[in-house]
Amino acid sequence: MSRPELDQVKRRYADVTAQLDALATADAGLSETDAQTRQELLEEQGKIEHWLWALEPD
């Protein structure tokens, strides 16, 4: 993966994290759609974390 691609993945991770933070503030009143979106974002965040862990130099 090239450096620009890695930077893009990091930006997506930051975006996913921001969306999760926004949903967390309304967690008590999440609709079913928001709850599903939250689950999808958590799954995507986990995948990105795995990629970043595998790609980052020590």
N, C-alpha and C. Protein backbone atom coordinates (compact mmCIF):
# COMPACT_ATOMS: atom_id res chain seq x y z
N MET A 1 0.85 -1.17 0.00
CA MET A 1 0.00 0.00 0.00
C MET A 1 0.90 1.23 0.00
N SER A 2 0.58 2.15 -0.88
CA SER A 2 1.37 3.37 -0.98
C SER A 2 1.05 4.31 0.18
N ARG A 3 1.91 5.28 0.37
CA ARG A 3 1.71 6.26 1.45
C ARG A 3 0.39 7.02 1.28
N PRO A 4 0.05 7.49 0.05
CA PRO A 4 -1.24 8.18 -0.10
C PRO A 4 -2.43 7.27 0.25
N GLU A 5 -2.34 5.99 -0.10
CA GLU A 5 -3.41 5.06 0.24
C GLU A 5 -3.51 4.88 1.76
N LEU A 6 -2.37 4.78 2.41
CA LEU A 6 -2.35 4.64 3.86
C LEU A 6 -2.95 5.89 4.52
N ASP A 7 -2.60 7.05 4.00
CA ASP A 7 -3.17 8.29 4.53
C ASP A 7 -4.69 8.32 4.35
N GLN A 8 -5.17 7.81 3.21
CA GLN A 8 -6.61 7.76 2.96
C GLN A 8 -7.29 6.83 3.96
N VAL A 9 -6.68 5.70 4.25
CA VAL A 9 -7.23 4.76 5.23
C VAL A 9 -7.28 5.42 6.61
N LYS A 10 -6.24 6.15 6.96
CA LYS A 10 -6.21 6.84 8.25
C LYS A 10 -7.30 7.90 8.34
N ARG A 11 -7.54 8.61 7.22
CA ARG A 11 -8.61 9.61 7.20
C ARG A 11 -9.98 8.94 7.36
N ARG A 12 -10.16 7.81 6.70
CA ARG A 12 -11.43 7.07 6.83
C ARG A 12 -11.61 6.60 8.27
N TYR A 13 -10.54 6.16 8.90
CA TYR A 13 -10.60 5.73 10.29
C TYR A 13 -11.05 6.89 11.18
N ALA A 14 -10.47 8.05 10.95
CA ALA A 14 -10.85 9.23 11.73
C ALA A 14 -12.32 9.58 11.50
N ASP A 15 -12.78 9.45 10.26
CA ASP A 15 -14.18 9.73 9.94
C ASP A 15 -15.11 8.74 10.64
N VAL A 16 -14.77 7.47 10.58
CA VAL A 16 -15.59 6.44 11.24
C VAL A 16 -15.63 6.69 12.74
N THR A 17 -14.49 7.02 13.32
CA THR A 17 -14.42 7.28 14.76
C THR A 17 -15.29 8.48 15.12
N ALA A 18 -15.26 9.52 14.30
CA ALA A 18 -16.09 10.71 14.56
C ALA A 18 -17.58 10.36 14.48
N GLN A 19 -17.95 9.55 13.51
CA GLN A 19 -19.35 9.15 13.39
C GLN A 19 -19.78 8.32 14.60
N LEU A 20 -18.89 7.43 15.06
CA LEU A 20 -19.20 6.63 16.25
C LEU A 20 -19.34 7.52 17.48
N ASP A 21 -18.48 8.51 17.60
CA ASP A 21 -18.56 9.44 18.73
C ASP A 21 -19.90 10.19 18.71
N ALA A 22 -20.33 10.60 17.52
CA ALA A 22 -21.60 11.31 17.40
C ALA A 22 -22.77 10.41 17.80
N LEU A 23 -22.71 9.16 17.39
CA LEU A 23 -23.77 8.23 17.75
C LEU A 23 -23.74 7.92 19.24
N ALA A 24 -22.57 7.90 19.83
CA ALA A 24 -22.44 7.58 21.26
C ALA A 24 -23.12 8.62 22.12
N THR A 25 -23.13 9.86 21.68
CA THR A 25 -23.76 10.91 22.47
C THR A 25 -25.28 10.74 22.51
N ALA A 26 -25.82 10.04 21.52
CA ALA A 26 -27.27 9.82 21.46
C ALA A 26 -27.61 8.35 21.70
N ASP A 27 -26.69 7.61 22.30
CA ASP A 27 -26.81 6.16 22.42
C ASP A 27 -28.12 5.71 23.06
N ALA A 28 -28.60 6.40 24.06
CA ALA A 28 -29.80 5.97 24.77
C ALA A 28 -31.03 5.99 23.87
N GLY A 29 -31.06 6.89 22.92
CA GLY A 29 -32.24 7.02 22.07
C GLY A 29 -32.00 6.61 20.63
N LEU A 30 -31.10 5.68 20.38
CA LEU A 30 -30.80 5.29 19.01
C LEU A 30 -31.98 4.55 18.37
N SER A 31 -32.27 4.93 17.15
CA SER A 31 -33.28 4.19 16.39
C SER A 31 -32.66 2.87 15.93
N GLU A 32 -33.48 1.99 15.40
CA GLU A 32 -32.96 0.71 14.90
C GLU A 32 -31.96 0.95 13.78
N THR A 33 -32.25 1.92 12.92
CA THR A 33 -31.34 2.25 11.81
C THR A 33 -30.02 2.77 12.35
N ASP A 34 -30.07 3.67 13.33
CA ASP A 34 -28.83 4.19 13.93
C ASP A 34 -28.04 3.09 14.61
N ALA A 35 -28.73 2.18 15.27
CA ALA A 35 -28.05 1.07 15.94
C ALA A 35 -27.36 0.18 14.92
N GLN A 36 -28.00 -0.05 13.78
CA GLN A 36 -27.39 -0.85 12.73
C GLN A 36 -26.20 -0.11 12.13
N THR A 37 -26.36 1.18 11.91
CA THR A 37 -25.25 1.99 11.39
C THR A 37 -24.07 1.94 12.35
N ARG A 38 -24.36 2.05 13.64
CA ARG A 38 -23.31 1.99 14.66
C ARG A 38 -22.57 0.66 14.58
N GLN A 39 -23.31 -0.44 14.43
CA GLN A 39 -22.69 -1.76 14.34
C GLN A 39 -21.81 -1.86 13.10
N GLU A 40 -22.31 -1.36 11.97
CA GLU A 40 -21.53 -1.38 10.73
C GLU A 40 -20.26 -0.54 10.88
N LEU A 41 -20.37 0.61 11.52
CA LEU A 41 -19.19 1.46 11.73
C LEU A 41 -18.18 0.78 12.65
N LEU A 42 -18.67 0.11 13.69
CA LEU A 42 -17.76 -0.61 14.59
C LEU A 42 -17.01 -1.72 13.84
N GLU A 43 -17.72 -2.42 12.96
CA GLU A 43 -17.08 -3.47 12.17
C GLU A 43 -16.04 -2.87 11.23
N GLU A 44 -16.39 -1.77 10.57
CA GLU A 44 -15.44 -1.11 9.67
C GLU A 44 -14.23 -0.60 10.44
N GLN A 45 -14.48 -0.03 11.62
CA GLN A 45 -13.39 0.47 12.45
C GLN A 45 -12.43 -0.67 12.81
N GLY A 46 -12.98 -1.81 13.16
CA GLY A 46 -12.15 -2.97 13.50
C GLY A 46 -11.30 -3.42 12.32
N LYS A 47 -11.88 -3.44 11.13
CA LYS A 47 -11.13 -3.83 9.94
C LYS A 47 -10.00 -2.84 9.67
N ILE A 48 -10.31 -1.55 9.77
CA ILE A 48 -9.29 -0.52 9.52
C ILE A 48 -8.17 -0.64 10.55
N GLU A 49 -8.53 -0.85 11.82
CA GLU A 49 -7.50 -1.01 12.85
C GLU A 49 -6.58 -2.19 12.51
N HIS A 50 -7.17 -3.27 12.03
CA HIS A 50 -6.37 -4.44 11.66
C HIS A 50 -5.43 -4.10 10.51
N TRP A 51 -5.94 -3.41 9.48
CA TRP A 51 -5.10 -3.01 8.35
C TRP A 51 -3.96 -2.11 8.80
N LEU A 52 -4.30 -1.11 9.61
CA LEU A 52 -3.28 -0.17 10.06
C LEU A 52 -2.22 -0.87 10.89
N TRP A 53 -2.64 -1.77 11.76
CA TRP A 53 -1.69 -2.52 12.58
C TRP A 53 -0.75 -3.33 11.69
N ALA A 54 -1.30 -3.95 10.64
CA ALA A 54 -0.50 -4.78 9.74
C ALA A 54 0.41 -3.94 8.84
N LEU A 55 0.01 -2.73 8.52
CA LEU A 55 0.74 -1.92 7.55
C LEU A 55 1.73 -0.94 8.16
N GLU A 56 1.50 -0.54 9.39
CA GLU A 56 2.37 0.45 10.02
C GLU A 56 3.75 -0.15 10.29
N PRO A 57 4.79 0.60 9.94
CA PRO A 57 6.13 0.13 10.29
C PRO A 57 6.32 0.20 11.81
N ASP A 58 7.14 -0.67 12.31
CA ASP A 58 7.40 -0.70 13.76
C ASP A 58 8.12 0.52 14.24
